Amino acid sequence: MHDIGRTSPLDALVRDVTGIQTLVVASTDGFALAQAGPQGHVADRLAAMTSSMLGLASALGRELHFGELDTLILDAADGKVLMLAIPGKQPRLLMTACDHRCVIGNVLWHAKQCVRALADSLN
């Protein structure tokens, strides 16, 4: 995995949001660039799935004339997954997985702050 480093925006997101299980920054073609969080998931697999999911969501958004994709939220019985686009010259993706303790609005707000910080630092 190419490492863009455990940047402070990722560390801050893990620190500030209760219930974060893992974070993965991915390229749009599905390669893991960075990972953070207490659970050791397979970053490469999560990056590939995130890229595929956001690709499908983008196609759906275009079909419905909703404009550019920003965020995709998956809500399951025992947790939630947020996938956000990181804008820039080389767009990237942020996948945030959290357990049942998370409050989705809190996770979304902090994840968007993280995306802004990552976009500023990567571009």
PDB file of N, CA and C in Angstrom:
ATOM      1  N   MET A   1       0.851  -1.176   0.000  1.00  0.00           N
ATOM      2  CA  MET A   1       0.000   0.000   0.000  1.00  0.00           C
ATOM      3  C   MET A   1       0.888   1.227   0.000  1.00  0.00           C
ATOM      4  N   HIS A   2       0.648   2.116  -0.956  1.00  0.00           N
ATOM      5  CA  HIS A   2       1.339   3.393  -0.961  1.00  0.00           C
ATOM      6  C   HIS A   2       0.851   4.183   0.242  1.00  0.00           C
ATOM      7  N   ASP A   3       1.748   4.794   0.967  1.00  0.00           N
ATOM      8  CA  ASP A   3       1.396   5.452   2.219  1.00  0.00           C
ATOM      9  C   ASP A   3       1.465   6.962   2.084  1.00  0.00           C
ATOM     10  N   ILE A   4       0.334   7.636   2.241  1.00  0.00           N
ATOM     11  CA  ILE A   4       0.355   9.086   2.273  1.00  0.00           C
ATOM     12  C   ILE A   4       0.549   9.564   3.706  1.00  0.00           C
ATOM     13  N   GLY A   5       0.742   8.619   4.584  1.00  0.00           N
ATOM     14  CA  GLY A   5       1.031   8.951   5.978  1.00  0.00           C
ATOM     15  C   GLY A   5      -0.202   8.985   6.847  1.00  0.00           C
ATOM     16  N   ARG A   6       0.018   8.749   8.119  1.00  0.00           N
ATOM     17  CA  ARG A   6      -1.056   8.891   9.100  1.00  0.00           C
ATOM     18  C   ARG A   6      -1.178  10.376   9.385  1.00  0.00           C
ATOM     19  N   THR A   7      -1.894  11.063   8.497  1.00  0.00           N
ATOM     20  CA  THR A   7      -2.000  12.506   8.596  1.00  0.00           C
ATOM     21  C   THR A   7      -2.860  12.896   9.790  1.00  0.00           C
ATOM     22  N   SER A   8      -2.639  14.074  10.280  1.00  0.00           N
ATOM     23  CA  SER A   8      -3.395  14.529  11.438  1.00  0.00           C
ATOM     24  C   SER A   8      -4.902  14.588  11.193  1.00  0.00           C
ATOM     25  N   PRO A   9      -5.410  14.875   9.973  1.00  0.00           N
ATOM     26  CA  PRO A   9      -6.873  14.822   9.799  1.00  0.00           C
ATOM     27  C   PRO A   9      -7.455  13.433  10.077  1.00  0.00           C
ATOM     28  N   LEU A  10      -6.751  12.382   9.671  1.00  0.00           N
ATOM     29  CA  LEU A  10      -7.239  11.028   9.958  1.00  0.00           C
ATOM     30  C   LEU A  10      -7.171  10.733  11.446  1.00  0.00           C
ATOM     31  N   ASP A  11      -6.052  11.092  12.071  1.00  0.00           N
ATOM     32  CA  ASP A  11      -5.905  10.887  13.511  1.00  0.00           C
ATOM     33  C   ASP A  11      -6.973  11.650  14.289  1.00  0.00           C
ATOM     34  N   ALA A  12      -7.253  12.883  13.865  1.00  0.00           N
ATOM     35  CA  ALA A  12      -8.263  13.696  14.550  1.00  0.00           C
ATOM     36  C   ALA A  12      -9.646  13.064  14.423  1.00  0.00           C
ATOM     37  N   LEU A  13      -9.962  12.524  13.264  1.00  0.00           N
ATOM     38  CA  LEU A  13     -11.263  11.890  13.073  1.00  0.00           C
ATOM     39  C   LEU A  13     -11.419  10.680  13.993  1.00  0.00           C
ATOM     40  N   VAL A  14     -10.388   9.846  14.065  1.00  0.00           N
ATOM     41  CA  VAL A  14     -10.439   8.676  14.956  1.00  0.00           C
ATOM     42  C   VAL A  14     -10.548   9.112  16.412  1.00  0.00           C
ATOM     43  N   ARG A  15      -9.804  10.147  16.775  1.00  0.00           N
ATOM     44  CA  ARG A  15      -9.782  10.630  18.153  1.00  0.00           C
ATOM     45  C   ARG A  15     -11.106  11.289  18.560  1.00  0.00           C
ATOM     46  N   ASP A  16     -11.711  12.040  17.643  1.00  0.00           N
ATOM     47  CA  ASP A  16     -12.857  12.880  17.990  1.00  0.00           C
ATOM     48  C   ASP A  16     -14.218  12.201  17.862  1.00  0.00           C
ATOM     49  N   VAL A  17     -14.273  11.066  17.189  1.00  0.00           N
ATOM     50  CA  VAL A  17     -15.563  10.405  16.955  1.00  0.00           C
ATOM     51  C   VAL A  17     -15.587   9.048  17.642  1.00  0.00           C
ATOM     52  N   THR A  18     -16.499   8.886  18.564  1.00  0.00           N
ATOM     53  CA  THR A  18     -16.672   7.614  19.266  1.00  0.00           C
ATOM     54  C   THR A  18     -17.202   6.562  18.310  1.00  0.00           C
ATOM     55  N   GLY A  19     -16.590   5.395  18.318  1.00  0.00           N
ATOM     56  CA  GLY A  19     -17.101   4.273  17.553  1.00  0.00           C
ATOM     57  C   GLY A  19     -16.433   4.041  16.214  1.00  0.00           C
ATOM     58  N   ILE A  20     -15.452   4.861  15.847  1.00  0.00           N
ATOM     59  CA  ILE A  20     -14.747   4.636  14.575  1.00  0.00           C
ATOM     60  C   ILE A  20     -14.021   3.296  14.652  1.00  0.00           C
ATOM     61  N   GLN A  21     -14.230   2.464  13.663  1.00  0.00           N
ATOM     62  CA  GLN A  21     -13.557   1.172  13.577  1.00  0.00           C
ATOM     63  C   GLN A  21     -12.363   1.221  12.631  1.00  0.00           C
ATOM     64  N   THR A  22     -12.557   1.885  11.500  1.00  0.00           N
ATOM     65  CA  THR A  22     -11.453   2.019  10.553  1.00  0.00           C
ATOM     66  C   THR A  22     -11.733   3.153   9.574  1.00  0.00           C
ATOM     67  N   LEU A  23     -10.652   3.726   9.077  1.00  0.00           N
ATOM     68  CA  LEU A  23     -10.697   4.736   8.028  1.00  0.00           C
ATOM     69  C   LEU A  23      -9.763   4.278   6.931  1.00  0.00           C
ATOM     70  N   VAL A  24     -10.169   4.489   5.694  1.00  0.00           N
ATOM     71  CA  VAL A  24      -9.294   4.192   4.565  1.00  0.00           C
ATOM     72  C   VAL A  24      -9.391   5.342   3.577  1.00  0.00           C
ATOM     73  N   VAL A  25      -8.236   5.848   3.162  1.00  0.00           N
ATOM     74  CA  VAL A  25      -8.174   6.787   2.052  1.00  0.00           C
ATOM     75  C   VAL A  25      -7.798   5.954   0.836  1.00  0.00           C
ATOM     76  N   ALA A  26      -8.585   6.098  -0.235  1.00  0.00           N
ATOM     77  CA  ALA A  26      -8.391   5.281  -1.431  1.00  0.00           C
ATOM     78  C   ALA A  26      -8.304   6.151  -2.676  1.00  0.00           C
ATOM     79  N   SER A  27      -7.632   5.609  -3.678  1.00  0.00           N
ATOM     80  CA  SER A  27      -7.652   6.241  -4.991  1.00  0.00           C
ATOM     81  C   SER A  27      -8.976   5.888  -5.662  1.00  0.00           C
ATOM     82  N   THR A  28      -9.332   6.639  -6.691  1.00  0.00           N
ATOM     83  CA  THR A  28     -10.602   6.356  -7.370  1.00  0.00           C
ATOM     84  C   THR A  28     -10.570   5.035  -8.126  1.00  0.00           C
ATOM     85  N   ASP A  29      -9.350   4.509  -8.373  1.00  0.00           N
ATOM     86  CA  ASP A  29      -9.268   3.205  -9.026  1.00  0.00           C
ATOM     87  C   ASP A  29      -9.119   2.056  -8.021  1.00  0.00           C
ATOM     88  N   GLY A  30      -9.354   2.350  -6.733  1.00  0.00           N
ATOM     89  CA  GLY A  30      -9.492   1.291  -5.741  1.00  0.00           C
ATOM     90  C   GLY A  30      -8.250   0.871  -4.984  1.00  0.00           C
ATOM     91  N   PHE A  31      -7.198   1.691  -5.001  1.00  0.00           N
ATOM     92  CA  PHE A  31      -5.989   1.355  -4.248  1.00  0.00           C
ATOM     93  C   PHE A  31      -5.966   2.084  -2.909  1.00  0.00           C
ATOM     94  N   ALA A  32      -5.614   1.391  -1.847  1.00  0.00           N
ATOM     95  CA  ALA A  32      -5.514   1.989  -0.516  1.00  0.00           C
ATOM     96  C   ALA A  32      -4.283   2.874  -0.453  1.00  0.00           C
ATOM     97  N   LEU A  33      -4.464   4.093   0.031  1.00  0.00           N
ATOM     98  CA  LEU A  33      -3.370   5.050   0.164  1.00  0.00           C
ATOM     99  C   LEU A  33      -2.990   5.277   1.613  1.00  0.00           C
ATOM    100  N   ALA A  34      -3.950   5.129   2.515  1.00  0.00           N
ATOM    101  CA  ALA A  34      -3.694   5.305   3.949  1.00  0.00           C
ATOM    102  C   ALA A  34      -4.812   4.633   4.727  1.00  0.00           C
ATOM    103  N   GLN A  35      -4.503   4.265   5.970  1.00  0.00           N
ATOM    104  CA  GLN A  35      -5.480   3.621   6.844  1.00  0.00           C
ATOM    105  C   GLN A  35      -5.238   4.108   8.265  1.00  0.00           C
ATOM    106  N   ALA A  36      -6.301   4.236   9.020  1.00  0.00           N
ATOM    107  CA  ALA A  36      -6.204   4.602  10.434  1.00  0.00           C
ATOM    108  C   ALA A  36      -7.361   3.937  11.163  1.00  0.00           C
ATOM    109  N   GLY A  37      -7.235   3.838  12.471  1.00  0.00           N
ATOM    110  CA  GLY A  37      -8.315   3.289  13.281  1.00  0.00           C
ATOM    111  C   GLY A  37      -7.861   2.105  14.098  1.00  0.00           C
ATOM    112  N   PRO A  38      -8.657   1.764  15.109  1.00  0.00           N
ATOM    113  CA  PRO A  38      -8.273   0.713  16.036  1.00  0.00           C
ATOM    114  C   PRO A  38      -8.375  -0.699  15.497  1.00  0.00           C
ATOM    115  N   GLN A  39      -9.221  -0.944  14.506  1.00  0.00           N
ATOM    116  CA  GLN A  39      -9.380  -2.311  13.995  1.00  0.00           C
ATOM    117  C   GLN A  39      -8.526  -2.512  12.760  1.00  0.00           C
ATOM    118  N   GLY A  40      -7.829  -3.603  12.698  1.00  0.00           N
ATOM    119  CA  GLY A  40      -6.969  -3.909  11.570  1.00  0.00           C
ATOM    120  C   GLY A  40      -7.711  -4.583  10.439  1.00  0.00           C
ATOM    121  N   HIS A  41      -8.392  -3.820   9.626  1.00  0.00           N
ATOM    122  CA  HIS A  41      -9.075  -4.374   8.454  1.00  0.00           C
ATOM    123  C   HIS A  41      -8.101  -4.416   7.287  1.00  0.00           C
ATOM    124  N   VAL A  42      -8.464  -5.127   6.267  1.00  0.00           N
ATOM    125  CA  VAL A  42      -7.645  -5.210   5.070  1.00  0.00           C
ATOM    126  C   VAL A  42      -7.944  -3.975   4.219  1.00  0.00           C
ATOM    127  N   ALA A  43      -7.043  -3.000   4.277  1.00  0.00           N
ATOM    128  CA  ALA A  43      -7.256  -1.711   3.619  1.00  0.00           C
ATOM    129  C   ALA A  43      -7.450  -1.852   2.114  1.00  0.00           C
ATOM    130  N   ASP A  44      -6.697  -2.735   1.471  1.00  0.00           N
ATOM    131  CA  ASP A  44      -6.805  -2.877   0.020  1.00  0.00           C
ATOM    132  C   ASP A  44      -8.195  -3.341  -0.411  1.00  0.00           C
ATOM    133  N   ARG A  45      -8.751  -4.283   0.315  1.00  0.00           N
ATOM    134  CA  ARG A  45     -10.102  -4.762  -0.015  1.00  0.00           C
ATOM    135  C   ARG A  45     -11.140  -3.671   0.225  1.00  0.00           C
ATOM    136  N   LEU A  46     -11.020  -2.963   1.338  1.00  0.00           N
ATOM    137  CA  LEU A  46     -11.964  -1.888   1.636  1.00  0.00           C
ATOM    138  C   LEU A  46     -11.858  -0.763   0.613  1.00  0.00           C
ATOM    139  N   ALA A  47     -10.642  -0.447   0.182  1.00  0.00           N
ATOM    140  CA  ALA A  47     -10.442   0.597  -0.834  1.00  0.00           C
ATOM    141  C   ALA A  47     -11.114   0.203  -2.146  1.00  0.00           C
ATOM    142  N   ALA A  48     -10.942  -1.040  -2.553  1.00  0.00           N
ATOM    143  CA  ALA A  48     -11.553  -1.508  -3.800  1.00  0.00           C
ATOM    144  C   ALA A  48     -13.079  -1.455  -3.717  1.00  0.00           C
ATOM    145  N   MET A  49     -13.633  -1.876  -2.589  1.00  0.00           N
ATOM    146  CA  MET A  49     -15.086  -1.841  -2.419  1.00  0.00           C
ATOM    147  C   MET A  49     -15.604  -0.412  -2.385  1.00  0.00           C
ATOM    148  N   THR A  50     -14.869   0.482  -1.716  1.00  0.00           N
ATOM    149  CA  THR A  50     -15.270   1.892  -1.646  1.00  0.00           C
ATOM    150  C   THR A  50     -15.301   2.506  -3.036  1.00  0.00           C
ATOM    151  N   SER A  51     -14.271   2.254  -3.826  1.00  0.00           N
ATOM    152  CA  SER A  51     -14.217   2.770  -5.184  1.00  0.00           C
ATOM    153  C   SER A  51     -15.392   2.271  -6.008  1.00  0.00           C
ATOM    154  N   SER A  52     -15.701   0.996  -5.900  1.00  0.00           N
ATOM    155  CA  SER A  52     -16.820   0.416  -6.652  1.00  0.00           C
ATOM    156  C   SER A  52     -18.153   1.008  -6.217  1.00  0.00           C
ATOM    157  N   MET A  53     -18.358   1.101  -4.908  1.00  0.00           N
ATOM    158  CA  MET A  53     -19.629   1.639  -4.394  1.00  0.00           C
ATOM    159  C   MET A  53     -19.835   3.090  -4.822  1.00  0.00           C
ATOM    160  N   LEU A  54     -18.790   3.903  -4.700  1.00  0.00           N
ATOM    161  CA  LEU A  54     -18.924   5.303  -5.085  1.00  0.00           C
ATOM    162  C   LEU A  54     -19.071   5.449  -6.591  1.00  0.00           C
ATOM    163  N   GLY A  55     -18.476   4.554  -7.356  1.00  0.00           N
ATOM    164  CA  GLY A  55     -18.673   4.560  -8.802  1.00  0.00           C
ATOM    165  C   GLY A  55     -20.119   4.294  -9.171  1.00  0.00           C
ATOM    166  N   LEU A  56     -20.714   3.296  -8.526  1.00  0.00           N
ATOM    167  CA  LEU A  56     -22.127   2.992  -8.766  1.00  0.00           C
ATOM    168  C   LEU A  56     -23.033   4.142  -8.323  1.00  0.00           C
ATOM    169  N   ALA A  57     -22.736   4.706  -7.165  1.00  0.00           N
ATOM    170  CA  ALA A  57     -23.543   5.824  -6.667  1.00  0.00           C
ATOM    171  C   ALA A  57     -23.428   7.037  -7.588  1.00  0.00           C
ATOM    172  N   SER A  58     -22.229   7.290  -8.120  1.00  0.00           N
ATOM    173  CA  SER A  58     -22.043   8.401  -9.056  1.00  0.00           C
ATOM    174  C   SER A  58     -22.866   8.186 -10.324  1.00  0.00           C
ATOM    175  N   ALA A  59     -22.859   6.958 -10.833  1.00  0.00           N
ATOM    176  CA  ALA A  59     -23.641   6.645 -12.031  1.00  0.00           C
ATOM    177  C   ALA A  59     -25.134   6.852 -11.768  1.00  0.00           C
ATOM    178  N   LEU A  60     -25.603   6.434 -10.607  1.00  0.00           N
ATOM    179  CA  LEU A  60     -27.004   6.630 -10.241  1.00  0.00           C
ATOM    180  C   LEU A  60     -27.332   8.117 -10.154  1.00  0.00           C
ATOM    181  N   GLY A  61     -26.429   8.881  -9.527  1.00  0.00           N
ATOM    182  CA  GLY A  61     -26.637  10.326  -9.420  1.00  0.00           C
ATOM    183  C   GLY A  61     -26.703  11.001 -10.782  1.00  0.00           C
ATOM    184  N   ARG A  62     -25.829  10.581 -11.706  1.00  0.00           N
ATOM    185  CA  ARG A  62     -25.862  11.143 -13.064  1.00  0.00           C
ATOM    186  C   ARG A  62     -27.170  10.780 -13.763  1.00  0.00           C
ATOM    187  N   GLU A  63     -27.591   9.534 -13.619  1.00  0.00           N
ATOM    188  CA  GLU A  63     -28.833   9.087 -14.254  1.00  0.00           C
ATOM    189  C   GLU A  63     -30.037   9.890 -13.767  1.00  0.00           C
ATOM    190  N   LEU A  64     -30.018  10.231 -12.480  1.00  0.00           N
ATOM    191  CA  LEU A  64     -31.125  10.990 -11.888  1.00  0.00           C
ATOM    192  C   LEU A  64     -30.932  12.503 -11.951  1.00  0.00           C
ATOM    193  N   HIS A  65     -29.820  12.935 -12.567  1.00  0.00           N
ATOM    194  CA  HIS A  65     -29.494  14.361 -12.698  1.00  0.00           C
ATOM    195  C   HIS A  65     -29.387  15.053 -11.339  1.00  0.00           C
ATOM    196  N   PHE A  66     -28.709  14.383 -10.387  1.00  0.00           N
ATOM    197  CA  PHE A  66     -28.526  14.925  -9.047  1.00  0.00           C
ATOM    198  C   PHE A  66     -27.223  15.693  -8.896  1.00  0.00           C
ATOM    199  N   GLY A  67     -26.382  15.689  -9.902  1.00  0.00           N
ATOM    200  CA  GLY A  67     -25.105  16.388  -9.808  1.00  0.00           C
ATOM    201  C   GLY A  67     -24.012  15.489  -9.261  1.00  0.00           C
ATOM    202  N   GLU A  68     -22.916  16.115  -8.852  1.00  0.00           N
ATOM    203  CA  GLU A  68     -21.741  15.387  -8.370  1.00  0.00           C
ATOM    204  C   GLU A  68     -22.005  14.690  -7.041  1.00  0.00           C
ATOM    205  N   LEU A  69     -21.470  13.497  -6.927  1.00  0.00           N
ATOM    206  CA  LEU A  69     -21.587  12.730  -5.687  1.00  0.00           C
ATOM    207  C   LEU A  69     -20.695  13.338  -4.615  1.00  0.00           C
ATOM    208  N   ASP A  70     -21.218  13.424  -3.417  1.00  0.00           N
ATOM    209  CA  ASP A  70     -20.452  13.927  -2.278  1.00  0.00           C
ATOM    210  C   ASP A  70     -20.281  12.835  -1.228  1.00  0.00           C
ATOM    211  N   THR A  71     -21.393  12.211  -0.849  1.00  0.00           N
ATOM    212  CA  THR A  71     -21.382  11.274   0.270  1.00  0.00           C
ATOM    213  C   THR A  71     -22.336  10.116   0.007  1.00  0.00           C
ATOM    214  N   LEU A  72     -21.884   8.930   0.419  1.00  0.00           N
ATOM    215  CA  LEU A  72     -22.735   7.739   0.389  1.00  0.00           C
ATOM    216  C   LEU A  72     -22.755   7.182   1.804  1.00  0.00           C
ATOM    217  N   ILE A  73     -23.941   6.885   2.341  1.00  0.00           N
ATOM    218  CA  ILE A  73     -24.075   6.373   3.698  1.00  0.00           C
ATOM    219  C   ILE A  73     -24.741   5.001   3.650  1.00  0.00           C
ATOM    220  N   LEU A  74     -24.106   4.021   4.307  1.00  0.00           N
ATOM    221  CA  LEU A  74     -24.694   2.690   4.466  1.00  0.00           C
ATOM    222  C   LEU A  74     -25.030   2.517   5.939  1.00  0.00           C
ATOM    223  N   ASP A  75     -26.257   2.126   6.222  1.00  0.00           N
ATOM    224  CA  ASP A  75     -26.714   1.967   7.596  1.00  0.00           C
ATOM    225  C   ASP A  75     -27.084   0.507   7.816  1.00  0.00           C
ATOM    226  N   ALA A  76     -26.348  -0.166   8.696  1.00  0.00           N
ATOM    227  CA  ALA A  76     -26.588  -1.585   8.979  1.00  0.00           C
ATOM    228  C   ALA A  76     -26.973  -1.744  10.453  1.00  0.00           C
ATOM    229  N   ALA A  77     -27.346  -2.935  10.830  1.00  0.00           N
ATOM    230  CA  ALA A  77     -27.798  -3.192  12.198  1.00  0.00           C
ATOM    231  C   ALA A  77     -26.734  -2.875  13.245  1.00  0.00           C
ATOM    232  N   ASP A  78     -25.491  -3.176  12.955  1.00  0.00           N
ATOM    233  CA  ASP A  78     -24.438  -3.002  13.956  1.00  0.00           C
ATOM    234  C   ASP A  78     -23.428  -1.916  13.631  1.00  0.00           C
ATOM    235  N   GLY A  79     -23.722  -1.068  12.656  1.00  0.00           N
ATOM    236  CA  GLY A  79     -22.794   0.004  12.345  1.00  0.00           C
ATOM    237  C   GLY A  79     -23.176   0.757  11.093  1.00  0.00           C
ATOM    238  N   LYS A  80     -22.317   1.724  10.763  1.00  0.00           N
ATOM    239  CA  LYS A  80     -22.558   2.576   9.607  1.00  0.00           C
ATOM    240  C   LYS A  80     -21.249   2.749   8.851  1.00  0.00           C
ATOM    241  N   VAL A  81     -21.381   2.991   7.552  1.00  0.00           N
ATOM    242  CA  VAL A  81     -20.230   3.269   6.711  1.00  0.00           C
ATOM    243  C   VAL A  81     -20.531   4.547   5.941  1.00  0.00           C
ATOM    244  N   LEU A  82     -19.597   5.480   6.007  1.00  0.00           N
ATOM    245  CA  LEU A  82     -19.699   6.697   5.217  1.00  0.00           C
ATOM    246  C   LEU A  82     -18.580   6.682   4.196  1.00  0.00           C
ATOM    247  N   MET A  83     -18.917   7.005   2.960  1.00  0.00           N
ATOM    248  CA  MET A  83     -17.933   7.097   1.889  1.00  0.00           C
ATOM    249  C   MET A  83     -18.061   8.492   1.309  1.00  0.00           C
ATOM    250  N   LEU A  84     -16.946   9.215   1.306  1.00  0.00           N
ATOM    251  CA  LEU A  84     -16.951  10.592   0.842  1.00  0.00           C
ATOM    252  C   LEU A  84     -15.890  10.792  -0.232  1.00  0.00           C
ATOM    253  N   ALA A  85     -16.209  11.624  -1.206  1.00  0.00           N
ATOM    254  CA  ALA A  85     -15.249  11.996  -2.234  1.00  0.00           C
ATOM    255  C   ALA A  85     -14.349  13.098  -1.683  1.00  0.00           C
ATOM    256  N   ILE A  86     -13.047  12.968  -1.938  1.00  0.00           N
ATOM    257  CA  ILE A  86     -12.074  14.004  -1.584  1.00  0.00           C
ATOM    258  C   ILE A  86     -11.720  14.704  -2.889  1.00  0.00           C
ATOM    259  N   PRO A  87     -12.173  15.948  -3.076  1.00  0.00           N
ATOM    260  CA  PRO A  87     -11.948  16.623  -4.358  1.00  0.00           C
ATOM    261  C   PRO A  87     -10.481  17.004  -4.552  1.00  0.00           C
ATOM    262  N   GLY A  88     -10.116  17.225  -5.797  1.00  0.00           N
ATOM    263  CA  GLY A  88      -8.767  17.678  -6.103  1.00  0.00           C
ATOM    264  C   GLY A  88      -8.343  17.280  -7.491  1.00  0.00           C
ATOM    265  N   LYS A  89      -7.095  17.617  -7.814  1.00  0.00           N
ATOM    266  CA  LYS A  89      -6.537  17.262  -9.126  1.00  0.00           C
ATOM    267  C   LYS A  89      -6.548  15.751  -9.319  1.00  0.00           C
ATOM    268  N   GLN A  90      -6.214  15.034  -8.256  1.00  0.00           N
ATOM    269  CA  GLN A  90      -6.317  13.581  -8.234  1.00  0.00           C
ATOM    270  C   GLN A  90      -7.352  13.236  -7.166  1.00  0.00           C
ATOM    271  N   PRO A  91      -8.623  13.123  -7.536  1.00  0.00           N
ATOM    272  CA  PRO A  91      -9.655  12.840  -6.535  1.00  0.00           C
ATOM    273  C   PRO A  91      -9.349  11.551  -5.778  1.00  0.00           C
ATOM    274  N   ARG A  92      -9.692  11.575  -4.522  1.00  0.00           N
ATOM    275  CA  ARG A  92      -9.514  10.402  -3.671  1.00  0.00           C
ATOM    276  C   ARG A  92     -10.807  10.162  -2.920  1.00  0.00           C
ATOM    277  N   LEU A  93     -10.838   9.095  -2.144  1.00  0.00           N
ATOM    278  CA  LEU A  93     -12.047   8.703  -1.426  1.00  0.00           C
ATOM    279  C   LEU A  93     -11.716   8.442   0.034  1.00  0.00           C
ATOM    280  N   LEU A  94     -12.653   8.758   0.909  1.00  0.00           N
ATOM    281  CA  LEU A  94     -12.513   8.450   2.330  1.00  0.00           C
ATOM    282  C   LEU A  94     -13.632   7.514   2.731  1.00  0.00           C
ATOM    283  N   MET A  95     -13.273   6.362   3.289  1.00  0.00           N
ATOM    284  CA  MET A  95     -14.241   5.415   3.818  1.00  0.00           C
ATOM    285  C   MET A  95     -14.093   5.420   5.340  1.00  0.00           C
ATOM    286  N   THR A  96     -15.206   5.661   6.020  1.00  0.00           N
ATOM    287  CA  THR A  96     -15.240   5.684   7.479  1.00  0.00           C
ATOM    288  C   THR A  96     -16.240   4.636   7.946  1.00  0.00           C
ATOM    289  N   ALA A  97     -15.778   3.656   8.709  1.00  0.00           N
ATOM    290  CA  ALA A  97     -16.659   2.624   9.256  1.00  0.00           C
ATOM    291  C   ALA A  97     -16.737   2.821  10.765  1.00  0.00           C
ATOM    292  N   CYS A  98     -17.958   2.809  11.303  1.00  0.00           N
ATOM    293  CA  CYS A  98     -18.119   2.994  12.747  1.00  0.00           C
ATOM    294  C   CYS A  98     -19.172   2.021  13.274  1.00  0.00           C
ATOM    295  N   ASP A  99     -19.077   1.768  14.566  1.00  0.00           N
ATOM    296  CA  ASP A  99     -19.991   0.805  15.180  1.00  0.00           C
ATOM    297  C   ASP A  99     -21.283   1.478  15.630  1.00  0.00           C
ATOM    298  N   HIS A 100     -22.085   0.734  16.374  1.00  0.00           N
ATOM    299  CA  HIS A 100     -23.410   1.193  16.802  1.00  0.00           C
ATOM    300  C   HIS A 100     -23.375   2.410  17.729  1.00  0.00           C
ATOM    301  N   ARG A 101     -22.231   2.721  18.327  1.00  0.00           N
ATOM    302  CA  ARG A 101     -22.144   3.857  19.258  1.00  0.00           C
ATOM    303  C   ARG A 101     -22.120   5.201  18.549  1.00  0.00           C
ATOM    304  N   CYS A 102     -21.834   5.217  17.265  1.00  0.00           N
ATOM    305  CA  CYS A 102     -21.669   6.490  16.565  1.00  0.00           C
ATOM    306  C   CYS A 102     -23.015   7.176  16.341  1.00  0.00           C
ATOM    307  N   VAL A 103     -22.950   8.492  16.315  1.00  0.00           N
ATOM    308  CA  VAL A 103     -24.099   9.318  15.951  1.00  0.00           C
ATOM    309  C   VAL A 103     -23.816   9.802  14.535  1.00  0.00           C
ATOM    310  N   ILE A 104     -24.664   9.429  13.585  1.00  0.00           N
ATOM    311  CA  ILE A 104     -24.368   9.628  12.181  1.00  0.00           C
ATOM    312  C   ILE A 104     -24.099  11.093  11.827  1.00  0.00           C
ATOM    313  N   GLY A 105     -24.836  12.005  12.415  1.00  0.00           N
ATOM    314  CA  GLY A 105     -24.603  13.432  12.141  1.00  0.00           C
ATOM    315  C   GLY A 105     -23.226  13.877  12.592  1.00  0.00           C
ATOM    316  N   ASN A 106     -22.794  13.390  13.740  1.00  0.00           N
ATOM    317  CA  ASN A 106     -21.468  13.709  14.266  1.00  0.00           C
ATOM    318  C   ASN A 106     -20.372  13.143  13.368  1.00  0.00           C
ATOM    319  N   VAL A 107     -20.545  11.894  12.950  1.00  0.00           N
ATOM    320  CA  VAL A 107     -19.568  11.261  12.068  1.00  0.00           C
ATOM    321  C   VAL A 107     -19.499  12.017  10.742  1.00  0.00           C
ATOM    322  N   LEU A 108     -20.645  12.355  10.183  1.00  0.00           N
ATOM    323  CA  LEU A 108     -20.681  13.058   8.905  1.00  0.00           C
ATOM    324  C   LEU A 108     -19.993  14.415   8.999  1.00  0.00           C
ATOM    325  N   TRP A 109     -20.278  15.176  10.044  1.00  0.00           N
ATOM    326  CA  TRP A 109     -19.659  16.491  10.200  1.00  0.00           C
ATOM    327  C   TRP A 109     -18.140  16.369  10.304  1.00  0.00           C
ATOM    328  N   HIS A 110     -17.668  15.473  11.174  1.00  0.00           N
ATOM    329  CA  HIS A 110     -16.229  15.300  11.347  1.00  0.00           C
ATOM    330  C   HIS A 110     -15.564  14.735  10.088  1.00  0.00           C
ATOM    331  N   ALA A 111     -16.241  13.817   9.403  1.00  0.00           N
ATOM    332  CA  ALA A 111     -15.682  13.252   8.172  1.00  0.00           C
ATOM    333  C   ALA A 111     -15.547  14.330   7.096  1.00  0.00           C
ATOM    334  N   LYS A 112     -16.525  15.225   7.004  1.00  0.00           N
ATOM    335  CA  LYS A 112     -16.431  16.314   6.022  1.00  0.00           C
ATOM    336  C   LYS A 112     -15.303  17.286   6.379  1.00  0.00           C
ATOM    337  N   GLN A 113     -15.093  17.512   7.663  1.00  0.00           N
ATOM    338  CA  GLN A 113     -13.946  18.332   8.089  1.00  0.00           C
ATOM    339  C   GLN A 113     -12.640  17.652   7.685  1.00  0.00           C
ATOM    340  N   CYS A 114     -12.570  16.353   7.877  1.00  0.00           N
ATOM    341  CA  CYS A 114     -11.400  15.572   7.504  1.00  0.00           C
ATOM    342  C   CYS A 114     -11.155  15.654   6.000  1.00  0.00           C
ATOM    343  N   VAL A 115     -12.213  15.512   5.204  1.00  0.00           N
ATOM    344  CA  VAL A 115     -12.105  15.595   3.744  1.00  0.00           C
ATOM    345  C   VAL A 115     -11.563  16.958   3.326  1.00  0.00           C
ATOM    346  N   ARG A 116     -12.064  18.027   3.927  1.00  0.00           N
ATOM    347  CA  ARG A 116     -11.562  19.372   3.594  1.00  0.00           C
ATOM    348  C   ARG A 116     -10.079  19.497   3.898  1.00  0.00           C
ATOM    349  N   ALA A 117      -9.680  19.007   5.062  1.00  0.00           N
ATOM    350  CA  ALA A 117      -8.271  19.079   5.464  1.00  0.00           C
ATOM    351  C   ALA A 117      -7.399  18.225   4.542  1.00  0.00           C
ATOM    352  N   LEU A 118      -7.867  17.026   4.196  1.00  0.00           N
ATOM    353  CA  LEU A 118      -7.103  16.160   3.299  1.00  0.00           C
ATOM    354  C   LEU A 118      -6.998  16.789   1.903  1.00  0.00           C
ATOM    355  N   ALA A 119      -8.096  17.367   1.417  1.00  0.00           N
ATOM    356  CA  ALA A 119      -8.081  18.009   0.097  1.00  0.00           C
ATOM    357  C   ALA A 119      -7.059  19.144   0.081  1.00  0.00           C
ATOM    358  N   ASP A 120      -7.018  19.932   1.152  1.00  0.00           N
ATOM    359  CA  ASP A 120      -6.068  21.039   1.235  1.00  0.00           C
ATOM    360  C   ASP A 120      -4.627  20.542   1.264  1.00  0.00           C
ATOM    361  N   SER A 121      -4.396  19.444   1.996  1.00  0.00           N
ATOM    362  CA  SER A 121      -3.016  18.964   2.162  1.00  0.00           C
ATOM    363  C   SER A 121      -2.520  18.131   0.979  1.00  0.00           C
ATOM    364  N   LEU A 122      -3.426  17.516   0.238  1.00  0.00           N
ATOM    365  CA  LEU A 122      -3.030  16.637  -0.864  1.00  0.00           C
ATOM    366  C   LEU A 122      -2.950  17.356  -2.202  1.00  0.00           C
ATOM    367  N   ASN A 123      -3.503  18.547  -2.279  1.00  0.00           N
ATOM    368  CA  ASN A 123      -3.530  19.262  -3.568  1.00  0.00           C
ATOM    369  C   ASN A 123      -2.600  20.450  -3.570  1.00  0.00           C
TER     370      ASN A 123
END
